[in-house]
Amino acid sequence: MTALADQRDGRPLVLITDCDHPDVQIEQAVFTAAGLRVLLGHCRSEDDVLAAGYGAVALLVQYAPVTAGVLTGLPGCLVVGRYGAGLDTIDVAAAHARGVAIVSVPDYAVQEVSDHTIALILSLCRGIDSYARNVRSGHWDLRAQGQLHRLSTLRLGVLGLGRIGQAVARKAAALGFDVVGCDIVPPGNSAVPVLTMAELLATSDVVTLHLPLSAETFHLIDATRLATMRPTAVLVNTSRGGLVDQIALGQAISGGRLAGAALDVLEAEPPDPANPLLADGRVVITPHVAFYSEESLAELKRRAAEGIVAELAARGAVPLIGDSVRQPG
């Protein structure tokens, strides 16, 4: 654990449980300006958070679990913030039951994630990764990737029509794709035709996932649903690794029942070197970077910290200063 301020000065404590960003200077500046003391931890488990967070009025979390046990063991914690949009590492129900505010930044990287998704889709549909590997290995072959088709002849199915899914749909439509969509909760407003999940999976050449991870969506794309997809179809996931049963996905691709996949997220990150998806040339994997640009990272850090300060101010723990904006839980 790294102390970023004097632990004996009596100021309210914020624990950054874990963070793999290059530094936490932006958050530190926001918290210090609000009169808060900051500790940077390296928490991986519930016990780690409990030990590091003793006396904290707020937690800022990247991957560390914030369970009901953590919230019970840290009764002074008023706010839990997360670096990101998803809340699958936080027991939201337990937090609400205890009156603990939840802060996230659901819209900070819509441009980046939708752009990265389009890049992965094009990599699969135009054979970019496969052709590049072949050229590097000395093969200059038009047919190395098999048959390619005009984007305007392909249907893109967007599973999840929130901010990012809608942005992907708009960008894909501009490229000529026939775009359709569906969601776990039927959207009230969609710019694309809405199908059932079964219809979308059965008729799409590309399926891209943009759903939160929950008990309802865990392994949503399993062996049964993969079997309903076209054998020439490909799957793209820039959302959460747990949405896809990766063993079933690997078996579908290796068995010729699916043409390929592009994944920015995996169930285990970084992956085990023995993961067969890493060795399959029909699979493109990037290291959970769809959210990243220098601009999005700075916005995420600032808004997460400002949201925590605003919630603490609403509870009288710190004075509200500057232009801190309360973020929706």
C-alpha atoms as a PDB file:
ATOM      1  CA  MET A   1       0.000   0.000   0.000  1.00  0.00           C
ATOM      2  CA  THR A   2       1.273   3.456  -0.888  1.00  0.00           C
ATOM      3  CA  ALA A   3       0.440   6.460   1.234  1.00  0.00           C
ATOM      4  CA  LEU A   4      -0.253   9.520  -0.882  1.00  0.00           C
ATOM      5  CA  ALA A   5      -0.797  11.784   2.128  1.00  0.00           C
ATOM      6  CA  ASP A   6       0.154  11.844   5.783  1.00  0.00           C
ATOM      7  CA  GLN A   7      -1.913   9.158   7.511  1.00  0.00           C
ATOM      8  CA  ARG A   8      -1.849  11.058  10.839  1.00  0.00           C
ATOM      9  CA  ASP A   9      -3.299  14.379   9.722  1.00  0.00           C
ATOM     10  CA  GLY A  10      -6.906  13.546  10.610  1.00  0.00           C
ATOM     11  CA  ARG A  11      -8.426  14.266   7.200  1.00  0.00           C
ATOM     12  CA  PRO A  12     -11.133  11.855   5.938  1.00  0.00           C
ATOM     13  CA  LEU A  13      -9.621   8.912   4.071  1.00  0.00           C
ATOM     14  CA  VAL A  14     -10.333   7.747   0.528  1.00  0.00           C
ATOM     15  CA  LEU A  15      -8.867   4.368  -0.412  1.00  0.00           C
ATOM     16  CA  ILE A  16      -8.059   3.722  -4.058  1.00  0.00           C
ATOM     17  CA  THR A  17      -8.239  -0.046  -3.730  1.00  0.00           C
ATOM     18  CA  ASP A  18      -6.361  -0.856  -6.938  1.00  0.00           C
ATOM     19  CA  CYS A  19      -5.388   0.860 -10.156  1.00  0.00           C
ATOM     20  CA  ASP A  20      -3.292  -0.249 -13.130  1.00  0.00           C
ATOM     21  CA  HIS A  21      -3.149   3.235 -14.677  1.00  0.00           C
ATOM     22  CA  PRO A  22       0.273   4.878 -14.971  1.00  0.00           C
ATOM     23  CA  ASP A  23      -0.472   7.209 -12.038  1.00  0.00           C
ATOM     24  CA  VAL A  24      -3.285   8.639  -9.900  1.00  0.00           C
ATOM     25  CA  GLN A  25      -2.314  12.297 -10.050  1.00  0.00           C
ATOM     26  CA  ILE A  26      -5.680  13.479 -11.375  1.00  0.00           C
ATOM     27  CA  GLU A  27      -7.642  11.749  -8.622  1.00  0.00           C
ATOM     28  CA  GLN A  28      -5.134  12.852  -6.016  1.00  0.00           C
ATOM     29  CA  ALA A  29      -5.561  16.494  -7.038  1.00  0.00           C
ATOM     30  CA  VAL A  30      -9.369  16.299  -6.839  1.00  0.00           C
ATOM     31  CA  PHE A  31      -9.359  14.560  -3.463  1.00  0.00           C
ATOM     32  CA  THR A  32      -6.677  16.804  -1.969  1.00  0.00           C
ATOM     33  CA  ALA A  33      -8.558  19.928  -3.047  1.00  0.00           C
ATOM     34  CA  ALA A  34     -11.599  18.579  -1.206  1.00  0.00           C
ATOM     35  CA  GLY A  35      -9.630  18.107   1.996  1.00  0.00           C
ATOM     36  CA  LEU A  36      -9.332  14.327   1.737  1.00  0.00           C
ATOM     37  CA  ARG A  37      -6.442  12.016   2.484  1.00  0.00           C
ATOM     38  CA  VAL A  38      -5.695   9.305  -0.097  1.00  0.00           C
ATOM     39  CA  LEU A  39      -4.199   5.841   0.100  1.00  0.00           C
ATOM     40  CA  LEU A  40      -3.389   3.761  -2.962  1.00  0.00           C
ATOM     41  CA  GLY A  41      -3.732   0.040  -2.293  1.00  0.00           C
ATOM     42  CA  HIS A  42      -3.030  -3.121  -4.229  1.00  0.00           C
ATOM     43  CA  CYS A  43      -6.161  -4.986  -3.221  1.00  0.00           C
ATOM     44  CA  ARG A  44      -7.224  -8.177  -4.942  1.00  0.00           C
ATOM     45  CA  SER A  45      -9.479  -9.822  -2.390  1.00  0.00           C
ATOM     46  CA  GLU A  46     -12.208  -8.976   0.089  1.00  0.00           C
ATOM     47  CA  ASP A  47      -9.696  -9.310   2.934  1.00  0.00           C
ATOM     48  CA  ASP A  48      -7.303  -6.922   1.189  1.00  0.00           C
ATOM     49  CA  VAL A  49     -10.005  -4.250   0.906  1.00  0.00           C
ATOM     50  CA  LEU A  50     -11.041  -4.701   4.536  1.00  0.00           C
ATOM     51  CA  ALA A  51      -7.463  -4.384   5.768  1.00  0.00           C
ATOM     52  CA  ALA A  52      -6.548  -1.391   3.621  1.00  0.00           C
ATOM     53  CA  GLY A  53      -9.862   0.424   3.939  1.00  0.00           C
ATOM     54  CA  TYR A  54     -10.182   0.615   7.717  1.00  0.00           C
ATOM     55  CA  GLY A  55     -11.568   4.061   8.548  1.00  0.00           C
ATOM     56  CA  ALA A  56     -12.172   5.069   4.920  1.00  0.00           C
ATOM     57  CA  VAL A  57     -15.151   7.254   4.068  1.00  0.00           C
ATOM     58  CA  ALA A  58     -14.948   6.254   0.410  1.00  0.00           C
ATOM     59  CA  LEU A  59     -13.493   3.592  -1.880  1.00  0.00           C
ATOM     60  CA  LEU A  60     -12.434   4.012  -5.493  1.00  0.00           C
ATOM     61  CA  VAL A  61     -12.250   0.613  -7.146  1.00  0.00           C
ATOM     62  CA  GLN A  62     -10.943  -0.798 -10.393  1.00  0.00           C
ATOM     63  CA  TYR A  63     -11.081  -4.604 -10.080  1.00  0.00           C
ATOM     64  CA  ALA A  64     -11.132  -5.264  -6.322  1.00  0.00           C
ATOM     65  CA  PRO A  65     -14.367  -6.786  -4.963  1.00  0.00           C
ATOM     66  CA  VAL A  66     -16.670  -4.662  -2.848  1.00  0.00           C
ATOM     67  CA  THR A  67     -18.909  -7.291  -1.298  1.00  0.00           C
ATOM     68  CA  ALA A  68     -21.556  -7.181   1.401  1.00  0.00           C
ATOM     69  CA  GLY A  69     -18.820  -8.348   3.753  1.00  0.00           C
ATOM     70  CA  VAL A  70     -16.605  -5.414   2.821  1.00  0.00           C
ATOM     71  CA  LEU A  71     -19.425  -2.935   3.358  1.00  0.00           C
ATOM     72  CA  THR A  72     -20.289  -4.496   6.717  1.00  0.00           C
ATOM     73  CA  GLY A  73     -16.640  -4.443   7.761  1.00  0.00           C
ATOM     74  CA  LEU A  74     -16.201  -0.792   6.750  1.00  0.00           C
ATOM     75  CA  PRO A  75     -19.181   0.875   8.435  1.00  0.00           C
ATOM     76  CA  GLY A  76     -17.749   4.368   7.901  1.00  0.00           C
ATOM     77  CA  CYS A  77     -17.719   3.981   4.125  1.00  0.00           C
ATOM     78  CA  LEU A  78     -20.257   6.349   2.591  1.00  0.00           C
ATOM     79  CA  VAL A  79     -19.396   6.099  -1.112  1.00  0.00           C
ATOM     80  CA  VAL A  80     -18.014   3.478  -3.475  1.00  0.00           C
ATOM     81  CA  GLY A  81     -16.774   4.702  -6.845  1.00  0.00           C
ATOM     82  CA  ARG A  82     -15.625   2.637  -9.789  1.00  0.00           C
ATOM     83  CA  TYR A  83     -13.208   3.383 -12.574  1.00  0.00           C
ATOM     84  CA  GLY A  84     -15.568   2.588 -15.434  1.00  0.00           C
ATOM     85  CA  ALA A  85     -19.178   2.068 -16.380  1.00  0.00           C
ATOM     86  CA  GLY A  86     -19.838  -1.458 -15.116  1.00  0.00           C
ATOM     87  CA  LEU A  87     -20.618  -2.289 -11.498  1.00  0.00           C
ATOM     88  CA  ASP A  88     -20.152  -6.069 -11.579  1.00  0.00           C
ATOM     89  CA  THR A  89     -17.364  -5.938  -8.947  1.00  0.00           C
ATOM     90  CA  ILE A  90     -19.666  -4.152  -6.467  1.00  0.00           C
ATOM     91  CA  ASP A  91     -22.573  -5.637  -4.513  1.00  0.00           C
ATOM     92  CA  VAL A  92     -24.934  -2.832  -5.477  1.00  0.00           C
ATOM     93  CA  ALA A  93     -27.900  -4.232  -3.556  1.00  0.00           C
ATOM     94  CA  ALA A  94     -25.859  -4.423  -0.353  1.00  0.00           C
ATOM     95  CA  ALA A  95     -24.619  -0.880  -0.886  1.00  0.00           C
ATOM     96  CA  HIS A  96     -28.128   0.456  -1.399  1.00  0.00           C
ATOM     97  CA  ALA A  97     -29.342  -1.419   1.682  1.00  0.00           C
ATOM     98  CA  ARG A  98     -26.675   0.316   3.765  1.00  0.00           C
ATOM     99  CA  GLY A  99     -27.263   3.734   2.192  1.00  0.00           C
ATOM    100  CA  VAL A 100     -23.842   3.687   0.511  1.00  0.00           C
ATOM    101  CA  ALA A 101     -23.753   5.771  -2.671  1.00  0.00           C
ATOM    102  CA  ILE A 102     -22.430   4.252  -5.888  1.00  0.00           C
ATOM    103  CA  VAL A 103     -20.472   6.364  -8.361  1.00  0.00           C
ATOM    104  CA  SER A 104     -19.569   5.318 -11.891  1.00  0.00           C
ATOM    105  CA  VAL A 105     -18.863   7.050 -15.183  1.00  0.00           C
ATOM    106  CA  PRO A 106     -21.125   5.275 -17.666  1.00  0.00           C
ATOM    107  CA  ASP A 107     -20.514   7.489 -20.693  1.00  0.00           C
ATOM    108  CA  TYR A 108     -16.826   8.396 -20.578  1.00  0.00           C
ATOM    109  CA  ALA A 109     -15.598   6.155 -23.425  1.00  0.00           C
ATOM    110  CA  VAL A 110     -18.520   5.751 -25.793  1.00  0.00           C
ATOM    111  CA  GLN A 111     -16.442   7.045 -28.707  1.00  0.00           C
ATOM    112  CA  GLU A 112     -13.431   4.874 -27.915  1.00  0.00           C
ATOM    113  CA  VAL A 113     -15.297   1.607 -27.335  1.00  0.00           C
ATOM    114  CA  SER A 114     -17.523   2.026 -30.370  1.00  0.00           C
ATOM    115  CA  ASP A 115     -14.497   2.912 -32.528  1.00  0.00           C
ATOM    116  CA  HIS A 116     -12.561  -0.104 -31.240  1.00  0.00           C
ATOM    117  CA  THR A 117     -15.555  -2.333 -31.896  1.00  0.00           C
ATOM    118  CA  ILE A 118     -15.769  -1.121 -35.486  1.00  0.00           C
ATOM    119  CA  ALA A 119     -12.024  -1.690 -35.882  1.00  0.00           C
ATOM    120  CA  LEU A 120     -12.377  -5.294 -34.685  1.00  0.00           C
ATOM    121  CA  ILE A 121     -15.363  -5.877 -36.952  1.00  0.00           C
ATOM    122  CA  LEU A 122     -13.409  -4.590 -39.948  1.00  0.00           C
ATOM    123  CA  SER A 123     -10.392  -6.674 -38.974  1.00  0.00           C
ATOM    124  CA  LEU A 124     -12.553  -9.795 -39.145  1.00  0.00           C
ATOM    125  CA  CYS A 125     -14.622  -8.855 -42.171  1.00  0.00           C
ATOM    126  CA  ARG A 126     -11.625  -7.690 -44.220  1.00  0.00           C
ATOM    127  CA  GLY A 127      -9.172 -10.300 -42.923  1.00  0.00           C
ATOM    128  CA  ILE A 128      -6.732  -7.621 -41.712  1.00  0.00           C
ATOM    129  CA  ASP A 129      -5.095  -9.586 -38.917  1.00  0.00           C
ATOM    130  CA  SER A 130      -4.868 -12.783 -40.953  1.00  0.00           C
ATOM    131  CA  TYR A 131      -3.421 -11.073 -44.030  1.00  0.00           C
ATOM    132  CA  ALA A 132      -0.886  -9.154 -41.941  1.00  0.00           C
ATOM    133  CA  ARG A 133       0.337 -12.335 -40.245  1.00  0.00           C
ATOM    134  CA  ASN A 134       0.612 -14.094 -43.596  1.00  0.00           C
ATOM    135  CA  VAL A 135       2.653 -11.294 -45.141  1.00  0.00           C
ATOM    136  CA  ARG A 136       5.019 -11.230 -42.155  1.00  0.00           C
ATOM    137  CA  SER A 137       5.555 -14.970 -42.557  1.00  0.00           C
ATOM    138  CA  GLY A 138       6.343 -14.620 -46.272  1.00  0.00           C
ATOM    139  CA  HIS A 139       2.963 -15.477 -47.809  1.00  0.00           C
ATOM    140  CA  TRP A 140       1.510 -13.018 -50.333  1.00  0.00           C
ATOM    141  CA  ASP A 141      -1.822 -14.624 -51.081  1.00  0.00           C
ATOM    142  CA  LEU A 142      -5.164 -13.080 -52.007  1.00  0.00           C
ATOM    143  CA  ARG A 143      -7.035 -16.199 -50.935  1.00  0.00           C
ATOM    144  CA  ALA A 144      -5.300 -16.712 -47.596  1.00  0.00           C
ATOM    145  CA  GLN A 145      -8.355 -15.420 -45.752  1.00  0.00           C
ATOM    146  CA  GLY A 146     -10.898 -17.262 -47.890  1.00  0.00           C
ATOM    147  CA  GLN A 147     -13.838 -15.436 -49.400  1.00  0.00           C
ATOM    148  CA  LEU A 148     -14.512 -11.833 -48.413  1.00  0.00           C
ATOM    149  CA  HIS A 149     -17.762  -9.991 -49.058  1.00  0.00           C
ATOM    150  CA  ARG A 150     -18.832  -6.370 -49.397  1.00  0.00           C
ATOM    151  CA  LEU A 151     -19.874  -4.885 -46.095  1.00  0.00           C
ATOM    152  CA  SER A 152     -23.172  -3.888 -47.696  1.00  0.00           C
ATOM    153  CA  THR A 153     -24.014  -7.577 -48.124  1.00  0.00           C
ATOM    154  CA  LEU A 154     -23.518  -8.324 -44.415  1.00  0.00           C
ATOM    155  CA  ARG A 155     -25.888  -8.059 -41.470  1.00  0.00           C
ATOM    156  CA  LEU A 156     -24.525  -6.747 -38.184  1.00  0.00           C
ATOM    157  CA  GLY A 157     -26.447  -7.722 -35.067  1.00  0.00           C
ATOM    158  CA  VAL A 158     -25.945  -5.395 -32.091  1.00  0.00           C
ATOM    159  CA  LEU A 159     -26.801  -7.178 -28.844  1.00  0.00           C
ATOM    160  CA  GLY A 160     -27.253  -4.388 -26.305  1.00  0.00           C
ATOM    161  CA  LEU A 161     -28.651  -1.034 -27.437  1.00  0.00           C
ATOM    162  CA  GLY A 162     -27.329   1.302 -24.793  1.00  0.00           C
ATOM    163  CA  ARG A 163     -25.018   4.236 -25.476  1.00  0.00           C
ATOM    164  CA  ILE A 164     -22.202   2.161 -26.952  1.00  0.00           C
ATOM    165  CA  GLY A 165     -24.405  -0.268 -28.848  1.00  0.00           C
ATOM    166  CA  GLN A 166     -26.290   2.597 -30.484  1.00  0.00           C
ATOM    167  CA  ALA A 167     -23.009   4.312 -31.397  1.00  0.00           C
ATOM    168  CA  VAL A 168     -21.717   1.091 -32.993  1.00  0.00           C
ATOM    169  CA  ALA A 169     -24.992   0.744 -34.899  1.00  0.00           C
ATOM    170  CA  ARG A 170     -24.702   4.279 -36.314  1.00  0.00           C
ATOM    171  CA  LYS A 171     -21.091   3.840 -37.371  1.00  0.00           C
ATOM    172  CA  ALA A 172     -21.702   0.409 -38.894  1.00  0.00           C
ATOM    173  CA  ALA A 173     -24.710   1.688 -40.837  1.00  0.00           C
ATOM    174  CA  ALA A 174     -22.519   4.441 -42.271  1.00  0.00           C
ATOM    175  CA  LEU A 175     -20.164   1.728 -43.555  1.00  0.00           C
ATOM    176  CA  GLY A 176     -23.026  -0.012 -45.324  1.00  0.00           C
ATOM    177  CA  PHE A 177     -23.896  -2.852 -42.952  1.00  0.00           C
ATOM    178  CA  ASP A 178     -27.508  -3.956 -42.616  1.00  0.00           C
ATOM    179  CA  VAL A 179     -27.784  -3.261 -38.881  1.00  0.00           C
ATOM    180  CA  VAL A 180     -30.284  -4.853 -36.513  1.00  0.00           C
ATOM    181  CA  GLY A 181     -30.370  -4.953 -32.740  1.00  0.00           C
ATOM    182  CA  CYS A 182     -31.874  -6.394 -29.599  1.00  0.00           C
ATOM    183  CA  ASP A 183     -31.521  -5.952 -25.867  1.00  0.00           C
ATOM    184  CA  ILE A 184     -32.281  -7.818 -22.649  1.00  0.00           C
ATOM    185  CA  VAL A 185     -34.721  -5.022 -21.846  1.00  0.00           C
ATOM    186  CA  PRO A 186     -36.506  -3.891 -25.022  1.00  0.00           C
ATOM    187  CA  PRO A 187     -35.265  -0.384 -25.842  1.00  0.00           C
ATOM    188  CA  GLY A 188     -37.744   2.447 -25.808  1.00  0.00           C
ATOM    189  CA  ASN A 189     -35.988   4.170 -28.691  1.00  0.00           C
ATOM    190  CA  SER A 190     -33.814   2.514 -31.313  1.00  0.00           C
ATOM    191  CA  ALA A 191     -32.533   3.788 -34.622  1.00  0.00           C
ATOM    192  CA  VAL A 192     -32.268   0.217 -35.963  1.00  0.00           C
ATOM    193  CA  PRO A 193     -34.827  -2.578 -36.381  1.00  0.00           C
ATOM    194  CA  VAL A 194     -35.218  -4.550 -33.142  1.00  0.00           C
ATOM    195  CA  LEU A 195     -35.342  -8.347 -33.365  1.00  0.00           C
ATOM    196  CA  THR A 196     -35.594 -11.103 -30.814  1.00  0.00           C
ATOM    197  CA  MET A 197     -32.257 -12.489 -29.676  1.00  0.00           C
ATOM    198  CA  ALA A 198     -32.969 -15.747 -31.484  1.00  0.00           C
ATOM    199  CA  GLU A 199     -33.680 -13.893 -34.743  1.00  0.00           C
ATOM    200  CA  LEU A 200     -30.588 -11.723 -34.381  1.00  0.00           C
ATOM    201  CA  LEU A 201     -28.252 -14.657 -33.716  1.00  0.00           C
ATOM    202  CA  ALA A 202     -29.699 -16.752 -36.528  1.00  0.00           C
ATOM    203  CA  THR A 203     -29.572 -14.072 -39.229  1.00  0.00           C
ATOM    204  CA  SER A 204     -26.468 -11.969 -38.479  1.00  0.00           C
ATOM    205  CA  ASP A 205     -23.080 -12.281 -40.157  1.00  0.00           C
ATOM    206  CA  VAL A 206     -21.483 -10.345 -37.293  1.00  0.00           C
ATOM    207  CA  VAL A 207     -22.769 -10.299 -33.708  1.00  0.00           C
ATOM    208  CA  THR A 208     -21.338  -7.641 -31.394  1.00  0.00           C
ATOM    209  CA  LEU A 209     -21.985  -7.591 -27.629  1.00  0.00           C
ATOM    210  CA  HIS A 210     -22.697  -4.435 -25.613  1.00  0.00           C
ATOM    211  CA  LEU A 211     -24.333  -5.613 -22.408  1.00  0.00           C
ATOM    212  CA  PRO A 212     -23.465  -5.302 -18.718  1.00  0.00           C
ATOM    213  CA  LEU A 213     -22.385  -8.425 -16.864  1.00  0.00           C
ATOM    214  CA  SER A 214     -24.921  -9.726 -14.361  1.00  0.00           C
ATOM    215  CA  ALA A 215     -26.332 -13.023 -13.155  1.00  0.00           C
ATOM    216  CA  GLU A 216     -28.781 -12.782 -16.052  1.00  0.00           C
ATOM    217  CA  THR A 217     -26.149 -12.174 -18.734  1.00  0.00           C
ATOM    218  CA  PHE A 218     -23.309 -14.419 -17.463  1.00  0.00           C
ATOM    219  CA  HIS A 219     -22.428 -16.837 -20.303  1.00  0.00           C
ATOM    220  CA  LEU A 220     -25.336 -15.445 -22.299  1.00  0.00           C
ATOM    221  CA  ILE A 221     -23.481 -16.621 -25.391  1.00  0.00           C
ATOM    222  CA  ASP A 222     -23.081 -20.298 -24.584  1.00  0.00           C
ATOM    223  CA  ALA A 223     -22.855 -23.485 -26.640  1.00  0.00           C
ATOM    224  CA  THR A 224     -26.601 -23.524 -27.245  1.00  0.00           C
ATOM    225  CA  ARG A 225     -26.744 -19.967 -28.582  1.00  0.00           C
ATOM    226  CA  LEU A 226     -23.520 -20.342 -30.560  1.00  0.00           C
ATOM    227  CA  ALA A 227     -25.094 -23.332 -32.291  1.00  0.00           C
ATOM    228  CA  THR A 228     -27.881 -21.082 -33.601  1.00  0.00           C
ATOM    229  CA  MET A 229     -25.436 -18.752 -35.364  1.00  0.00           C
ATOM    230  CA  ARG A 230     -24.370 -19.113 -38.968  1.00  0.00           C
ATOM    231  CA  PRO A 231     -21.144 -21.106 -39.409  1.00  0.00           C
ATOM    232  CA  THR A 232     -19.843 -18.185 -41.494  1.00  0.00           C
ATOM    233  CA  ALA A 233     -20.630 -15.657 -38.742  1.00  0.00           C
ATOM    234  CA  VAL A 234     -18.196 -13.987 -36.346  1.00  0.00           C
ATOM    235  CA  LEU A 235     -18.576 -12.761 -32.762  1.00  0.00           C
ATOM    236  CA  VAL A 236     -17.185  -9.512 -31.318  1.00  0.00           C
ATOM    237  CA  ASN A 237     -17.034  -8.694 -27.593  1.00  0.00           C
ATOM    238  CA  THR A 238     -15.789  -5.378 -26.216  1.00  0.00           C
ATOM    239  CA  SER A 239     -18.095  -5.423 -23.194  1.00  0.00           C
ATOM    240  CA  ARG A 240     -17.438  -8.039 -20.473  1.00  0.00           C
ATOM    241  CA  GLY A 241     -15.590 -11.329 -20.798  1.00  0.00           C
ATOM    242  CA  GLY A 242     -18.151 -13.205 -18.740  1.00  0.00           C
ATOM    243  CA  LEU A 243     -20.845 -12.675 -21.352  1.00  0.00           C
ATOM    244  CA  VAL A 244     -19.278 -15.461 -23.416  1.00  0.00           C
ATOM    245  CA  ASP A 245     -18.568 -19.075 -22.509  1.00  0.00           C
ATOM    246  CA  GLN A 246     -15.049 -19.053 -23.906  1.00  0.00           C
ATOM    247  CA  ILE A 247     -14.646 -22.823 -23.862  1.00  0.00           C
ATOM    248  CA  ALA A 248     -17.790 -23.160 -25.956  1.00  0.00           C
ATOM    249  CA  LEU A 249     -16.595 -20.345 -28.231  1.00  0.00           C
ATOM    250  CA  GLY A 250     -13.251 -22.055 -28.840  1.00  0.00           C
ATOM    251  CA  GLN A 251     -14.965 -25.341 -29.572  1.00  0.00           C
ATOM    252  CA  ALA A 252     -17.382 -23.691 -32.003  1.00  0.00           C
ATOM    253  CA  ILE A 253     -14.532 -22.058 -33.926  1.00  0.00           C
ATOM    254  CA  SER A 254     -12.238 -25.080 -33.927  1.00  0.00           C
ATOM    255  CA  GLY A 255     -15.156 -27.272 -34.992  1.00  0.00           C
ATOM    256  CA  GLY A 256     -16.024 -25.033 -37.945  1.00  0.00           C
ATOM    257  CA  ARG A 257     -19.367 -23.991 -36.473  1.00  0.00           C
ATOM    258  CA  LEU A 258     -18.298 -20.329 -36.255  1.00  0.00           C
ATOM    259  CA  ALA A 259     -15.892 -18.471 -38.535  1.00  0.00           C
ATOM    260  CA  GLY A 260     -14.056 -16.417 -35.924  1.00  0.00           C
ATOM    261  CA  ALA A 261     -14.151 -13.934 -33.086  1.00  0.00           C
ATOM    262  CA  ALA A 262     -12.626 -10.661 -31.941  1.00  0.00           C
ATOM    263  CA  LEU A 263     -12.363 -10.139 -28.191  1.00  0.00           C
ATOM    264  CA  ASP A 264     -11.161  -7.180 -26.162  1.00  0.00           C
ATOM    265  CA  VAL A 265     -12.330  -8.756 -22.906  1.00  0.00           C
ATOM    266  CA  LEU A 266     -11.813 -12.216 -21.430  1.00  0.00           C
ATOM    267  CA  GLU A 267     -13.048 -14.009 -18.340  1.00  0.00           C
ATOM    268  CA  ALA A 268      -9.490 -14.186 -16.997  1.00  0.00           C
ATOM    269  CA  GLU A 269      -7.223 -11.213 -17.724  1.00  0.00           C
ATOM    270  CA  PRO A 270      -4.474 -11.539 -18.690  1.00  0.00           C
ATOM    271  CA  PRO A 271      -5.272 -14.935 -20.199  1.00  0.00           C
ATOM    272  CA  ASP A 272      -3.509 -18.174 -19.365  1.00  0.00           C
ATOM    273  CA  PRO A 273      -0.848 -18.690 -22.062  1.00  0.00           C
ATOM    274  CA  ALA A 274      -2.387 -22.129 -22.624  1.00  0.00           C
ATOM    275  CA  ASN A 275      -5.763 -20.618 -23.568  1.00  0.00           C
ATOM    276  CA  PRO A 276      -6.459 -22.160 -27.002  1.00  0.00           C
ATOM    277  CA  LEU A 277      -8.054 -18.950 -28.254  1.00  0.00           C
ATOM    278  CA  LEU A 278      -4.593 -17.335 -28.233  1.00  0.00           C
ATOM    279  CA  ALA A 279      -3.268 -19.846 -30.740  1.00  0.00           C
ATOM    280  CA  ASP A 280      -6.229 -19.738 -33.112  1.00  0.00           C
ATOM    281  CA  GLY A 281      -5.579 -17.527 -36.137  1.00  0.00           C
ATOM    282  CA  ARG A 282      -9.303 -16.953 -36.548  1.00  0.00           C
ATOM    283  CA  VAL A 283      -9.450 -15.108 -33.222  1.00  0.00           C
ATOM    284  CA  VAL A 284      -8.295 -11.505 -32.729  1.00  0.00           C
ATOM    285  CA  ILE A 285      -7.605 -10.546 -29.104  1.00  0.00           C
ATOM    286  CA  THR A 286      -6.712  -7.107 -27.765  1.00  0.00           C
ATOM    287  CA  PRO A 287      -5.775  -6.465 -24.096  1.00  0.00           C
ATOM    288  CA  HIS A 288      -8.921  -4.773 -22.712  1.00  0.00           C
ATOM    289  CA  VAL A 289      -8.055  -1.471 -24.353  1.00  0.00           C
ATOM    290  CA  ALA A 290     -11.299  -0.548 -26.113  1.00  0.00           C
ATOM    291  CA  PHE A 291     -11.960   2.159 -23.506  1.00  0.00           C
ATOM    292  CA  TYR A 292      -8.539   3.737 -23.830  1.00  0.00           C
ATOM    293  CA  SER A 293      -7.444   7.075 -25.176  1.00  0.00           C
ATOM    294  CA  GLU A 294      -5.488   9.672 -23.258  1.00  0.00           C
ATOM    295  CA  GLU A 295      -8.613  11.817 -23.251  1.00  0.00           C
ATOM    296  CA  SER A 296     -10.987   9.101 -22.034  1.00  0.00           C
ATOM    297  CA  LEU A 297      -8.609   7.974 -19.292  1.00  0.00           C
ATOM    298  CA  ALA A 298      -8.215  11.503 -17.959  1.00  0.00           C
ATOM    299  CA  GLU A 299     -11.981  12.042 -18.065  1.00  0.00           C
ATOM    300  CA  LEU A 300     -12.623   8.769 -16.259  1.00  0.00           C
ATOM    301  CA  LYS A 301     -10.218   9.554 -13.444  1.00  0.00           C
ATOM    302  CA  ARG A 302     -11.425  13.114 -12.958  1.00  0.00           C
ATOM    303  CA  ARG A 303     -15.130  12.337 -13.070  1.00  0.00           C
ATOM    304  CA  ALA A 304     -14.854   9.302 -10.790  1.00  0.00           C
ATOM    305  CA  ALA A 305     -13.046  11.389  -8.182  1.00  0.00           C
ATOM    306  CA  GLU A 306     -15.399  14.357  -8.574  1.00  0.00           C
ATOM    307  CA  GLY A 307     -18.399  12.077  -8.229  1.00  0.00           C
ATOM    308  CA  ILE A 308     -17.071  10.687  -4.956  1.00  0.00           C
ATOM    309  CA  VAL A 309     -16.419  14.198  -3.636  1.00  0.00           C
ATOM    310  CA  ALA A 310     -19.919  15.298  -4.618  1.00  0.00           C
ATOM    311  CA  GLU A 311     -21.494  12.337  -2.827  1.00  0.00           C
ATOM    312  CA  LEU A 312     -19.395  12.942   0.281  1.00  0.00           C
ATOM    313  CA  ALA A 313     -20.415  16.591   0.206  1.00  0.00           C
ATOM    314  CA  ALA A 314     -24.077  15.586  -0.052  1.00  0.00           C
ATOM    315  CA  ARG A 315     -23.575  13.591   3.146  1.00  0.00           C
ATOM    316  CA  GLY A 316     -21.753  16.419   4.913  1.00  0.00           C
ATOM    317  CA  ALA A 317     -18.428  14.611   5.000  1.00  0.00           C
ATOM    318  CA  VAL A 318     -16.625  17.309   2.984  1.00  0.00           C
ATOM    319  CA  PRO A 319     -17.579  20.778   1.734  1.00  0.00           C
ATOM    320  CA  LEU A 320     -18.725  20.925  -1.885  1.00  0.00           C
ATOM    321  CA  ILE A 321     -16.057  22.807  -3.817  1.00  0.00           C
ATOM    322  CA  GLY A 322     -15.337  23.750  -7.391  1.00  0.00           C
ATOM    323  CA  ASP A 323     -17.491  22.249 -10.120  1.00  0.00           C
ATOM    324  CA  SER A 324     -17.768  18.720  -8.700  1.00  0.00           C
ATOM    325  CA  VAL A 325     -20.810  17.052 -10.207  1.00  0.00           C
ATOM    326  CA  ARG A 326     -22.781  14.315  -8.547  1.00  0.00           C
ATOM    327  CA  GLN A 327     -22.745  11.210 -10.725  1.00  0.00           C
ATOM    328  CA  PRO A 328     -25.732   8.876 -10.980  1.00  0.00           C
ATOM    329  CA  GLY A 329     -25.397   5.592  -9.136  1.00  0.00           C
END
